[in-house]
Amino acid sequence: MNYLAHLHLASPDHEAMLGALLGDFVFGTAALQDWSPVERREILIHRQVDRYTDAHPQVVASRRLFGEGRQRYSGIALDVYYDHCLARDWSRYADTPLDAFTSSFYRYLLSRLDALPARLQAIAPRIAAHDWLGSYRERASVDLAVTRIATRLSRNGERLVECLDDLRRHEARIGAGFDAFFPQLVAHVQALRREPRFAAA
């Protein structure tokens, strides 16, 4: 899952939401000690969310729709597209309007800027200034985000960009897969939060 989905799954607590975002920027176990218990819990839940997503039958089926040589990169394209599905149909999944949700988190994120990992610290002002999270409601933002990610890959970025053709070709099936998958993910995360290992993280 991409940024917006992870934040939604951790909402409404801003500290928890930051931890969910940190899951893409904090790696290994030693680095966990740099963060509060709430943030550590959410970093660990973020990792579980990614594992659950990668193994889910709906997601596996969607990855198979991508052409040979592109399935390796299809997960990145799907993560971004799933944020589009969530943002586009936000009112189905959340009571708070998307603009209010994002603007509130942006304020908190920027208030914590000095404490963020260097890579997140560098992009956080752009995330807020250009409303990366809210922009996902527009379909064009998927292509923009995937193309931007491709430039950061060490090699074969063109394969990721080529995934956009498969995504357009099978968009209806992939969108239907998200509609079936995401409520199950929400239920899975709710169950994780009841487990003692995460309560004590």
N, C-alpha and C. Protein backbone atom coordinates (compact mmCIF):
# COMPACT_ATOMS: atom_id res chain seq x y z
N MET A 1 0.84 -1.18 0.00
CA MET A 1 0.00 0.00 0.00
C MET A 1 0.89 1.25 0.00
N ASN A 2 0.32 2.35 -0.47
CA ASN A 2 1.07 3.59 -0.56
C ASN A 2 0.72 4.51 0.61
N TYR A 3 1.25 5.74 0.60
CA TYR A 3 1.17 6.63 1.75
C TYR A 3 -0.25 6.83 2.27
N LEU A 4 -1.18 7.18 1.39
CA LEU A 4 -2.53 7.53 1.85
C LEU A 4 -3.19 6.36 2.56
N ALA A 5 -3.07 5.17 2.01
CA ALA A 5 -3.70 4.01 2.63
C ALA A 5 -3.11 3.73 4.00
N HIS A 6 -1.79 3.80 4.13
CA HIS A 6 -1.17 3.57 5.43
C HIS A 6 -1.64 4.60 6.46
N LEU A 7 -1.75 5.85 6.05
CA LEU A 7 -2.22 6.89 6.97
C LEU A 7 -3.66 6.64 7.38
N HIS A 8 -4.49 6.27 6.43
CA HIS A 8 -5.89 6.00 6.74
C HIS A 8 -6.01 4.85 7.75
N LEU A 9 -5.22 3.82 7.57
CA LEU A 9 -5.29 2.66 8.45
C LEU A 9 -4.84 2.99 9.87
N ALA A 10 -4.03 4.03 10.03
CA ALA A 10 -3.53 4.43 11.36
C ALA A 10 -4.32 5.58 11.97
N SER A 11 -5.20 6.20 11.20
CA SER A 11 -5.93 7.37 11.70
C SER A 11 -6.90 6.98 12.81
N PRO A 12 -7.32 7.95 13.64
CA PRO A 12 -7.15 9.40 13.50
C PRO A 12 -5.98 9.99 14.30
N ASP A 13 -5.22 9.17 15.02
CA ASP A 13 -4.16 9.69 15.87
C ASP A 13 -2.95 10.10 15.03
N HIS A 14 -2.54 11.36 15.13
CA HIS A 14 -1.46 11.86 14.29
C HIS A 14 -0.13 11.17 14.56
N GLU A 15 0.15 10.87 15.81
CA GLU A 15 1.39 10.18 16.13
C GLU A 15 1.42 8.81 15.48
N ALA A 16 0.29 8.11 15.54
CA ALA A 16 0.19 6.80 14.89
C ALA A 16 0.31 6.94 13.38
N MET A 17 -0.28 7.97 12.82
CA MET A 17 -0.20 8.19 11.37
C MET A 17 1.23 8.46 10.94
N LEU A 18 1.95 9.23 11.74
CA LEU A 18 3.35 9.46 11.41
C LEU A 18 4.13 8.15 11.44
N GLY A 19 3.86 7.33 12.44
CA GLY A 19 4.52 6.03 12.49
C GLY A 19 4.22 5.19 11.26
N ALA A 20 2.98 5.24 10.80
CA ALA A 20 2.61 4.49 9.60
C ALA A 20 3.38 5.00 8.39
N LEU A 21 3.56 6.30 8.29
CA LEU A 21 4.34 6.86 7.20
C LEU A 21 5.82 6.48 7.33
N LEU A 22 6.32 6.49 8.55
CA LEU A 22 7.72 6.15 8.79
C LEU A 22 8.06 4.74 8.33
N GLY A 23 7.06 3.89 8.22
CA GLY A 23 7.30 2.53 7.76
C GLY A 23 7.99 2.44 6.42
N ASP A 24 7.87 3.50 5.61
CA ASP A 24 8.57 3.53 4.32
C ASP A 24 9.95 4.16 4.41
N PHE A 25 10.34 4.59 5.61
CA PHE A 25 11.60 5.32 5.75
C PHE A 25 12.49 4.78 6.87
N VAL A 26 11.98 3.88 7.69
CA VAL A 26 12.72 3.31 8.82
C VAL A 26 12.84 1.81 8.58
N PHE A 27 14.06 1.30 8.59
CA PHE A 27 14.29 -0.09 8.23
C PHE A 27 15.08 -0.81 9.33
N GLY A 28 14.87 -2.12 9.41
CA GLY A 28 15.56 -2.92 10.40
C GLY A 28 14.93 -2.78 11.78
N THR A 29 15.59 -3.37 12.78
CA THR A 29 15.06 -3.34 14.14
C THR A 29 15.76 -2.32 15.02
N ALA A 30 17.05 -2.10 14.80
CA ALA A 30 17.78 -1.18 15.66
C ALA A 30 17.21 0.23 15.57
N ALA A 31 16.81 0.64 14.37
CA ALA A 31 16.31 2.00 14.17
C ALA A 31 14.98 2.24 14.85
N LEU A 32 14.27 1.19 15.22
CA LEU A 32 12.98 1.35 15.88
C LEU A 32 13.12 2.09 17.21
N GLN A 33 14.26 1.95 17.86
CA GLN A 33 14.45 2.56 19.18
C GLN A 33 14.49 4.08 19.14
N ASP A 34 14.58 4.64 17.94
CA ASP A 34 14.62 6.09 17.81
C ASP A 34 13.22 6.72 17.89
N TRP A 35 12.20 5.88 17.99
CA TRP A 35 10.83 6.38 17.88
C TRP A 35 10.01 6.01 19.10
N SER A 36 8.91 6.72 19.29
CA SER A 36 8.05 6.49 20.46
C SER A 36 7.38 5.12 20.36
N PRO A 37 6.85 4.60 21.47
CA PRO A 37 6.15 3.31 21.40
C PRO A 37 5.03 3.29 20.36
N VAL A 38 4.27 4.37 20.26
CA VAL A 38 3.19 4.42 19.27
C VAL A 38 3.76 4.36 17.86
N GLU A 39 4.80 5.13 17.61
CA GLU A 39 5.42 5.15 16.27
C GLU A 39 6.04 3.80 15.95
N ARG A 40 6.69 3.17 16.94
CA ARG A 40 7.26 1.84 16.70
C ARG A 40 6.17 0.85 16.33
N ARG A 41 5.08 0.88 17.07
CA ARG A 41 3.96 -0.03 16.78
C ARG A 41 3.49 0.14 15.34
N GLU A 42 3.36 1.38 14.91
CA GLU A 42 2.82 1.62 13.58
C GLU A 42 3.82 1.28 12.48
N ILE A 43 5.10 1.43 12.75
CA ILE A 43 6.11 0.98 11.78
C ILE A 43 5.99 -0.53 11.59
N LEU A 44 5.83 -1.25 12.70
CA LEU A 44 5.69 -2.71 12.62
C LEU A 44 4.39 -3.11 11.93
N ILE A 45 3.31 -2.40 12.22
CA ILE A 45 2.04 -2.70 11.55
C ILE A 45 2.14 -2.39 10.06
N HIS A 46 2.83 -1.31 9.72
CA HIS A 46 3.06 -0.98 8.31
C HIS A 46 3.69 -2.18 7.59
N ARG A 47 4.68 -2.79 8.21
CA ARG A 47 5.34 -3.93 7.58
C ARG A 47 4.39 -5.11 7.42
N GLN A 48 3.52 -5.30 8.42
CA GLN A 48 2.54 -6.37 8.31
C GLN A 48 1.51 -6.08 7.21
N VAL A 49 1.13 -4.84 7.08
CA VAL A 49 0.19 -4.44 6.03
C VAL A 49 0.79 -4.76 4.66
N ASP A 50 2.06 -4.43 4.47
CA ASP A 50 2.70 -4.69 3.19
C ASP A 50 2.77 -6.18 2.90
N ARG A 51 3.07 -6.99 3.92
CA ARG A 51 3.12 -8.44 3.72
C ARG A 51 1.74 -8.99 3.37
N TYR A 52 0.74 -8.56 4.11
CA TYR A 52 -0.62 -9.02 3.86
C TYR A 52 -1.06 -8.64 2.44
N THR A 53 -0.77 -7.41 2.05
CA THR A 53 -1.15 -6.93 0.73
C THR A 53 -0.48 -7.76 -0.36
N ASP A 54 0.82 -7.95 -0.24
CA ASP A 54 1.56 -8.67 -1.27
C ASP A 54 1.04 -10.10 -1.46
N ALA A 55 0.56 -10.72 -0.38
CA ALA A 55 0.12 -12.12 -0.45
C ALA A 55 -1.37 -12.27 -0.71
N HIS A 56 -2.12 -11.19 -0.71
CA HIS A 56 -3.58 -11.31 -0.83
C HIS A 56 -3.96 -11.80 -2.23
N PRO A 57 -4.89 -12.76 -2.33
CA PRO A 57 -5.25 -13.32 -3.64
C PRO A 57 -5.71 -12.28 -4.66
N GLN A 58 -6.42 -11.25 -4.22
CA GLN A 58 -6.86 -10.22 -5.17
C GLN A 58 -5.67 -9.45 -5.74
N VAL A 59 -4.69 -9.19 -4.90
CA VAL A 59 -3.51 -8.45 -5.34
C VAL A 59 -2.64 -9.34 -6.23
N VAL A 60 -2.49 -10.59 -5.86
CA VAL A 60 -1.73 -11.54 -6.68
C VAL A 60 -2.37 -11.66 -8.06
N ALA A 61 -3.70 -11.75 -8.11
CA ALA A 61 -4.40 -11.85 -9.39
C ALA A 61 -4.19 -10.59 -10.22
N SER A 62 -4.18 -9.44 -9.58
CA SER A 62 -3.96 -8.19 -10.32
C SER A 62 -2.54 -8.11 -10.88
N ARG A 63 -1.57 -8.58 -10.11
CA ARG A 63 -0.19 -8.55 -10.61
C ARG A 63 -0.03 -9.43 -11.85
N ARG A 64 -0.80 -10.50 -11.92
CA ARG A 64 -0.70 -11.40 -13.08
C ARG A 64 -1.24 -10.77 -14.36
N LEU A 65 -1.95 -9.67 -14.25
CA LEU A 65 -2.47 -8.98 -15.43
C LEU A 65 -1.39 -8.19 -16.14
N PHE A 66 -0.25 -7.99 -15.49
CA PHE A 66 0.84 -7.22 -16.08
C PHE A 66 1.70 -8.13 -16.95
N GLY A 67 2.25 -7.56 -18.02
CA GLY A 67 2.98 -8.34 -19.00
C GLY A 67 4.29 -8.91 -18.49
N GLU A 68 4.83 -9.84 -19.28
CA GLU A 68 6.09 -10.49 -18.93
C GLU A 68 7.20 -9.46 -18.79
N GLY A 69 7.96 -9.60 -17.72
CA GLY A 69 9.03 -8.66 -17.45
C GLY A 69 8.60 -7.45 -16.66
N ARG A 70 7.29 -7.30 -16.49
CA ARG A 70 6.78 -6.14 -15.76
C ARG A 70 6.13 -6.52 -14.43
N GLN A 71 5.86 -7.80 -14.23
CA GLN A 71 5.21 -8.21 -12.98
C GLN A 71 6.07 -7.87 -11.77
N ARG A 72 7.38 -7.89 -11.95
CA ARG A 72 8.30 -7.56 -10.84
C ARG A 72 8.07 -6.13 -10.35
N TYR A 73 7.62 -5.25 -11.23
CA TYR A 73 7.43 -3.84 -10.90
C TYR A 73 5.95 -3.48 -10.70
N SER A 74 5.09 -4.44 -10.96
CA SER A 74 3.65 -4.17 -10.91
C SER A 74 3.18 -3.79 -9.51
N GLY A 75 3.83 -4.31 -8.48
CA GLY A 75 3.41 -3.99 -7.11
C GLY A 75 3.51 -2.51 -6.82
N ILE A 76 4.54 -1.85 -7.38
CA ILE A 76 4.68 -0.41 -7.17
C ILE A 76 3.52 0.33 -7.83
N ALA A 77 3.22 -0.04 -9.07
CA ALA A 77 2.11 0.60 -9.78
C ALA A 77 0.79 0.36 -9.07
N LEU A 78 0.60 -0.84 -8.56
CA LEU A 78 -0.64 -1.15 -7.85
C LEU A 78 -0.75 -0.34 -6.56
N ASP A 79 0.34 -0.21 -5.83
CA ASP A 79 0.31 0.57 -4.58
C ASP A 79 -0.18 1.99 -4.86
N VAL A 80 0.35 2.60 -5.90
CA VAL A 80 -0.05 3.96 -6.24
C VAL A 80 -1.50 4.00 -6.70
N TYR A 81 -1.87 3.04 -7.54
CA TYR A 81 -3.25 3.02 -8.04
C TYR A 81 -4.24 2.78 -6.91
N TYR A 82 -3.88 1.97 -5.94
CA TYR A 82 -4.77 1.73 -4.81
C TYR A 82 -5.01 3.01 -4.02
N ASP A 83 -3.98 3.86 -3.91
CA ASP A 83 -4.21 5.15 -3.25
C ASP A 83 -5.20 6.00 -4.06
N HIS A 84 -5.14 5.89 -5.38
CA HIS A 84 -6.13 6.58 -6.21
C HIS A 84 -7.53 6.06 -5.93
N CYS A 85 -7.68 4.75 -5.88
CA CYS A 85 -9.00 4.16 -5.59
C CYS A 85 -9.53 4.64 -4.24
N LEU A 86 -8.65 4.67 -3.24
CA LEU A 86 -9.05 5.11 -1.91
C LEU A 86 -9.43 6.59 -1.92
N ALA A 87 -8.62 7.43 -2.54
CA ALA A 87 -8.90 8.87 -2.57
C ALA A 87 -10.16 9.18 -3.37
N ARG A 88 -10.33 8.49 -4.48
CA ARG A 88 -11.48 8.73 -5.36
C ARG A 88 -12.79 8.41 -4.65
N ASP A 89 -12.78 7.34 -3.86
CA ASP A 89 -14.00 6.89 -3.17
C ASP A 89 -13.87 7.09 -1.67
N TRP A 90 -13.18 8.14 -1.27
CA TRP A 90 -12.83 8.38 0.12
C TRP A 90 -14.04 8.30 1.04
N SER A 91 -15.16 8.86 0.64
CA SER A 91 -16.34 8.91 1.52
C SER A 91 -16.89 7.52 1.83
N ARG A 92 -16.50 6.51 1.05
CA ARG A 92 -16.91 5.14 1.34
C ARG A 92 -16.16 4.58 2.55
N TYR A 93 -14.98 5.13 2.82
CA TYR A 93 -14.09 4.55 3.82
C TYR A 93 -13.84 5.44 5.03
N ALA A 94 -14.19 6.72 4.94
CA ALA A 94 -13.87 7.65 6.02
C ALA A 94 -14.98 8.67 6.19
N ASP A 95 -15.16 9.14 7.42
CA ASP A 95 -16.17 10.17 7.71
C ASP A 95 -15.61 11.57 7.52
N THR A 96 -14.32 11.75 7.79
CA THR A 96 -13.69 13.06 7.63
C THR A 96 -13.41 13.33 6.16
N PRO A 97 -13.78 14.49 5.63
CA PRO A 97 -13.47 14.80 4.23
C PRO A 97 -11.97 14.69 3.96
N LEU A 98 -11.62 14.30 2.75
CA LEU A 98 -10.22 14.06 2.42
C LEU A 98 -9.37 15.31 2.63
N ASP A 99 -9.85 16.47 2.22
CA ASP A 99 -9.06 17.70 2.36
C ASP A 99 -8.78 18.00 3.83
N ALA A 100 -9.75 17.78 4.69
CA ALA A 100 -9.55 18.01 6.13
C ALA A 100 -8.57 16.99 6.69
N PHE A 101 -8.68 15.76 6.25
CA PHE A 101 -7.79 14.68 6.69
C PHE A 101 -6.34 15.00 6.33
N THR A 102 -6.11 15.38 5.08
CA THR A 102 -4.74 15.62 4.63
C THR A 102 -4.16 16.90 5.23
N SER A 103 -4.93 17.97 5.25
CA SER A 103 -4.38 19.23 5.75
C SER A 103 -4.02 19.14 7.22
N SER A 104 -4.81 18.42 8.01
CA SER A 104 -4.51 18.23 9.42
C SER A 104 -3.21 17.45 9.60
N PHE A 105 -3.05 16.40 8.79
CA PHE A 105 -1.82 15.62 8.91
C PHE A 105 -0.61 16.39 8.41
N TYR A 106 -0.76 17.16 7.35
CA TYR A 106 0.36 17.96 6.87
C TYR A 106 0.88 18.89 7.97
N ARG A 107 -0.02 19.52 8.70
CA ARG A 107 0.41 20.42 9.78
C ARG A 107 1.22 19.66 10.82
N TYR A 108 0.75 18.48 11.18
CA TYR A 108 1.48 17.69 12.17
C TYR A 108 2.83 17.23 11.61
N LEU A 109 2.84 16.77 10.37
CA LEU A 109 4.08 16.31 9.76
C LEU A 109 5.13 17.41 9.75
N LEU A 110 4.74 18.61 9.37
CA LEU A 110 5.70 19.71 9.31
C LEU A 110 6.14 20.16 10.70
N SER A 111 5.27 19.98 11.69
CA SER A 111 5.65 20.32 13.07
C SER A 111 6.72 19.37 13.61
N ARG A 112 6.83 18.19 13.00
CA ARG A 112 7.82 17.19 13.42
C ARG A 112 9.02 17.13 12.48
N LEU A 113 9.14 18.10 11.61
CA LEU A 113 10.11 18.04 10.52
C LEU A 113 11.53 17.74 11.00
N ASP A 114 11.96 18.40 12.07
CA ASP A 114 13.35 18.24 12.53
C ASP A 114 13.65 16.83 13.02
N ALA A 115 12.63 16.08 13.39
CA ALA A 115 12.85 14.74 13.93
C ALA A 115 12.79 13.65 12.86
N LEU A 116 12.43 14.00 11.65
CA LEU A 116 12.19 13.00 10.61
C LEU A 116 13.50 12.45 10.04
N PRO A 117 13.46 11.22 9.52
CA PRO A 117 14.63 10.71 8.79
C PRO A 117 14.95 11.64 7.61
N ALA A 118 16.21 11.66 7.22
CA ALA A 118 16.67 12.65 6.23
C ALA A 118 15.86 12.60 4.94
N ARG A 119 15.57 11.42 4.45
CA ARG A 119 14.86 11.32 3.17
C ARG A 119 13.44 11.85 3.28
N LEU A 120 12.76 11.53 4.38
CA LEU A 120 11.41 12.06 4.59
C LEU A 120 11.45 13.56 4.89
N GLN A 121 12.46 13.98 5.64
CA GLN A 121 12.61 15.40 5.94
C GLN A 121 12.74 16.21 4.65
N ALA A 122 13.41 15.65 3.67
CA ALA A 122 13.64 16.36 2.41
C ALA A 122 12.35 16.51 1.60
N ILE A 123 11.48 15.50 1.64
CA ILE A 123 10.30 15.55 0.77
C ILE A 123 9.04 16.01 1.50
N ALA A 124 9.03 16.01 2.83
CA ALA A 124 7.81 16.36 3.57
C ALA A 124 7.25 17.72 3.17
N PRO A 125 8.09 18.77 3.02
CA PRO A 125 7.52 20.06 2.60
C PRO A 125 6.85 19.99 1.24
N ARG A 126 7.38 19.16 0.32
CA ARG A 126 6.77 19.02 -1.00
C ARG A 126 5.48 18.23 -0.91
N ILE A 127 5.46 17.20 -0.05
CA ILE A 127 4.24 16.43 0.14
C ILE A 127 3.09 17.36 0.54
N ALA A 128 3.39 18.26 1.49
CA ALA A 128 2.36 19.18 1.98
C ALA A 128 2.05 20.27 0.96
N ALA A 129 3.08 20.89 0.41
CA ALA A 129 2.86 22.04 -0.50
C ALA A 129 2.11 21.64 -1.75
N HIS A 130 2.35 20.43 -2.24
CA HIS A 130 1.71 19.99 -3.48
C HIS A 130 0.58 18.99 -3.24
N ASP A 131 0.21 18.81 -1.97
CA ASP A 131 -0.91 17.94 -1.61
C ASP A 131 -0.82 16.58 -2.30
N TRP A 132 0.31 15.93 -2.10
CA TRP A 132 0.49 14.63 -2.73
C TRP A 132 -0.63 13.67 -2.38
N LEU A 133 -1.06 13.67 -1.13
CA LEU A 133 -2.06 12.70 -0.68
C LEU A 133 -3.42 12.96 -1.33
N GLY A 134 -3.86 14.21 -1.28
CA GLY A 134 -5.15 14.55 -1.86
C GLY A 134 -5.16 14.47 -3.37
N SER A 135 -4.00 14.66 -3.99
CA SER A 135 -3.94 14.66 -5.45
C SER A 135 -4.26 13.30 -6.04
N TYR A 136 -4.17 12.25 -5.22
CA TYR A 136 -4.42 10.92 -5.74
C TYR A 136 -5.87 10.72 -6.19
N ARG A 137 -6.76 11.61 -5.83
CA ARG A 137 -8.14 11.46 -6.30
C ARG A 137 -8.22 11.65 -7.82
N GLU A 138 -7.23 12.35 -8.39
CA GLU A 138 -7.17 12.56 -9.84
C GLU A 138 -6.41 11.41 -10.49
N ARG A 139 -6.98 10.81 -11.52
CA ARG A 139 -6.36 9.66 -12.17
C ARG A 139 -4.98 9.99 -12.73
N ALA A 140 -4.80 11.23 -13.22
CA ALA A 140 -3.51 11.62 -13.80
C ALA A 140 -2.37 11.55 -12.78
N SER A 141 -2.70 11.67 -11.50
CA SER A 141 -1.67 11.63 -10.47
C SER A 141 -1.02 10.25 -10.38
N VAL A 142 -1.73 9.21 -10.78
CA VAL A 142 -1.15 7.87 -10.77
C VAL A 142 0.03 7.82 -11.74
N ASP A 143 -0.20 8.27 -12.97
CA ASP A 143 0.87 8.25 -13.97
C ASP A 143 2.04 9.13 -13.53
N LEU A 144 1.73 10.30 -12.96
CA LEU A 144 2.79 11.20 -12.52
C LEU A 144 3.62 10.57 -11.41
N ALA A 145 2.96 9.98 -10.42
CA ALA A 145 3.67 9.39 -9.28
C ALA A 145 4.51 8.20 -9.72
N VAL A 146 3.95 7.33 -10.57
CA VAL A 146 4.69 6.15 -11.01
C VAL A 146 5.90 6.57 -11.83
N THR A 147 5.74 7.56 -12.69
CA THR A 147 6.86 8.05 -13.50
C THR A 147 7.93 8.65 -12.61
N ARG A 148 7.51 9.36 -11.58
CA ARG A 148 8.47 9.96 -10.64
C ARG A 148 9.24 8.88 -9.88
N ILE A 149 8.54 7.84 -9.45
CA ILE A 149 9.20 6.74 -8.74
C ILE A 149 10.20 6.05 -9.67
N ALA A 150 9.83 5.90 -10.94
CA ALA A 150 10.71 5.21 -11.90
C ALA A 150 12.06 5.89 -12.03
N THR A 151 12.08 7.20 -11.90
CA THR A 151 13.36 7.93 -12.02
C THR A 151 14.28 7.65 -10.84
N ARG A 152 13.72 7.16 -9.74
CA ARG A 152 14.53 6.89 -8.56
C ARG A 152 15.03 5.45 -8.49
N LEU A 153 14.55 4.59 -9.39
CA LEU A 153 15.03 3.21 -9.40
C LEU A 153 16.45 3.16 -9.94
N SER A 154 17.24 2.27 -9.40
CA SER A 154 18.63 2.18 -9.82
C SER A 154 18.76 1.64 -11.25
N ARG A 155 17.76 0.85 -11.68
CA ARG A 155 17.77 0.33 -13.05
C ARG A 155 16.36 -0.09 -13.44
N ASN A 156 16.15 -0.22 -14.74
CA ASN A 156 14.88 -0.71 -15.30
C ASN A 156 13.68 0.16 -14.95
N GLY A 157 13.91 1.45 -14.75
CA GLY A 157 12.78 2.32 -14.49
C GLY A 157 11.76 2.32 -15.60
N GLU A 158 12.23 2.06 -16.83
CA GLU A 158 11.29 2.04 -17.96
C GLU A 158 10.29 0.90 -17.84
N ARG A 159 10.68 -0.19 -17.17
CA ARG A 159 9.75 -1.30 -16.96
C ARG A 159 8.59 -0.86 -16.07
N LEU A 160 8.89 -0.07 -15.08
CA LEU A 160 7.82 0.43 -14.22
C LEU A 160 6.90 1.35 -15.00
N VAL A 161 7.45 2.23 -15.82
CA VAL A 161 6.61 3.12 -16.63
C VAL A 161 5.74 2.31 -17.58
N GLU A 162 6.28 1.23 -18.14
CA GLU A 162 5.51 0.37 -19.03
C GLU A 162 4.32 -0.28 -18.31
N CYS A 163 4.43 -0.43 -17.00
CA CYS A 163 3.31 -0.99 -16.22
C CYS A 163 2.05 -0.13 -16.35
N LEU A 164 2.23 1.15 -16.66
CA LEU A 164 1.06 2.03 -16.78
C LEU A 164 0.15 1.60 -17.93
N ASP A 165 0.73 1.05 -19.00
CA ASP A 165 -0.09 0.56 -20.10
C ASP A 165 -0.95 -0.62 -19.66
N ASP A 166 -0.35 -1.55 -18.91
CA ASP A 166 -1.11 -2.69 -18.40
C ASP A 166 -2.19 -2.22 -17.43
N LEU A 167 -1.85 -1.24 -16.62
CA LEU A 167 -2.80 -0.72 -15.64
C LEU A 167 -4.02 -0.13 -16.35
N ARG A 168 -3.80 0.64 -17.40
CA ARG A 168 -4.93 1.21 -18.14
C ARG A 168 -5.75 0.12 -18.80
N ARG A 169 -5.08 -0.88 -19.34
CA ARG A 169 -5.76 -1.96 -20.07
C ARG A 169 -6.68 -2.76 -19.15
N HIS A 170 -6.26 -2.94 -17.91
CA HIS A 170 -7.00 -3.80 -16.98
C HIS A 170 -7.57 -3.03 -15.80
N GLU A 171 -7.76 -1.74 -15.98
CA GLU A 171 -8.10 -0.87 -14.85
C GLU A 171 -9.40 -1.28 -14.16
N ALA A 172 -10.41 -1.68 -14.92
CA ALA A 172 -11.69 -2.05 -14.32
C ALA A 172 -11.52 -3.27 -13.41
N ARG A 173 -10.78 -4.27 -13.86
CA ARG A 173 -10.57 -5.47 -13.04
C ARG A 173 -9.73 -5.17 -11.82
N ILE A 174 -8.72 -4.34 -11.99
CA ILE A 174 -7.85 -3.99 -10.86
C ILE A 174 -8.64 -3.18 -9.83
N GLY A 175 -9.46 -2.25 -10.31
CA GLY A 175 -10.29 -1.47 -9.39
C GLY A 175 -11.28 -2.33 -8.63
N ALA A 176 -11.87 -3.30 -9.32
CA ALA A 176 -12.79 -4.21 -8.64
C ALA A 176 -12.05 -5.05 -7.60
N GLY A 177 -10.81 -5.42 -7.92
CA GLY A 177 -10.00 -6.17 -6.96
C GLY A 177 -9.73 -5.36 -5.71
N PHE A 178 -9.46 -4.08 -5.88
CA PHE A 178 -9.26 -3.22 -4.71
C PHE A 178 -10.52 -3.15 -3.86
N ASP A 179 -11.67 -2.99 -4.49
CA ASP A 179 -12.93 -2.90 -3.76
C ASP A 179 -13.17 -4.15 -2.91
N ALA A 180 -12.75 -5.30 -3.41
CA ALA A 180 -12.92 -6.54 -2.66
C ALA A 180 -11.85 -6.68 -1.58
N PHE A 181 -10.65 -6.23 -1.89
CA PHE A 181 -9.51 -6.44 -1.00
C PHE A 181 -9.47 -5.47 0.17
N PHE A 182 -9.74 -4.19 -0.06
CA PHE A 182 -9.44 -3.18 0.96
C PHE A 182 -10.24 -3.37 2.25
N PRO A 183 -11.54 -3.66 2.21
CA PRO A 183 -12.24 -3.91 3.48
C PRO A 183 -11.64 -5.06 4.27
N GLN A 184 -11.12 -6.06 3.58
CA GLN A 184 -10.47 -7.17 4.28
C GLN A 184 -9.17 -6.71 4.94
N LEU A 185 -8.45 -5.82 4.27
CA LEU A 185 -7.23 -5.26 4.86
C LEU A 185 -7.57 -4.45 6.12
N VAL A 186 -8.61 -3.64 6.05
CA VAL A 186 -9.02 -2.85 7.22
C VAL A 186 -9.32 -3.78 8.40
N ALA A 187 -10.06 -4.86 8.14
CA ALA A 187 -10.38 -5.81 9.20
C ALA A 187 -9.12 -6.49 9.73
N HIS A 188 -8.18 -6.79 8.85
CA HIS A 188 -6.93 -7.42 9.26
C HIS A 188 -6.15 -6.50 10.20
N VAL A 189 -6.07 -5.23 9.87
CA VAL A 189 -5.33 -4.28 10.70
C VAL A 189 -6.02 -4.11 12.05
N GLN A 190 -7.32 -4.06 12.05
CA GLN A 190 -8.05 -3.97 13.33
C GLN A 190 -7.74 -5.17 14.21
N ALA A 191 -7.63 -6.35 13.61
CA ALA A 191 -7.29 -7.56 14.37
C ALA A 191 -5.85 -7.48 14.88
N LEU A 192 -4.93 -6.97 14.05
CA LEU A 192 -3.54 -6.84 14.48
C LEU A 192 -3.42 -5.96 15.72
N ARG A 193 -4.19 -4.89 15.75
CA ARG A 193 -4.09 -3.95 16.87
C ARG A 193 -4.54 -4.58 18.20
N ARG A 194 -5.29 -5.65 18.12
CA ARG A 194 -5.74 -6.33 19.35
C ARG A 194 -4.72 -7.35 19.84
N GLU A 195 -3.68 -7.59 19.04
CA GLU A 195 -2.68 -8.60 19.43
C GLU A 195 -1.72 -7.99 20.47
N PRO A 196 -1.39 -8.74 21.51
CA PRO A 196 -0.51 -8.22 22.55
C PRO A 196 0.84 -7.73 22.03
N ARG A 197 1.38 -8.36 21.00
CA ARG A 197 2.71 -7.97 20.50
C ARG A 197 2.71 -6.54 19.98
N PHE A 198 1.57 -6.08 19.48
CA PHE A 198 1.52 -4.71 18.99
C PHE A 198 1.07 -3.75 20.08
N ALA A 199 0.28 -4.21 20.99
CA ALA A 199 -0.11 -3.36 22.11
C ALA A 199 1.11 -2.98 22.93
N ALA A 200 2.11 -3.87 22.97
CA ALA A 200 3.29 -3.64 23.80
C ALA A 200 4.48 -3.10 23.02
N ALA A 201 4.29 -2.85 21.71
CA ALA A 201 5.43 -2.44 20.87
C ALA A 201 6.01 -1.13 21.33
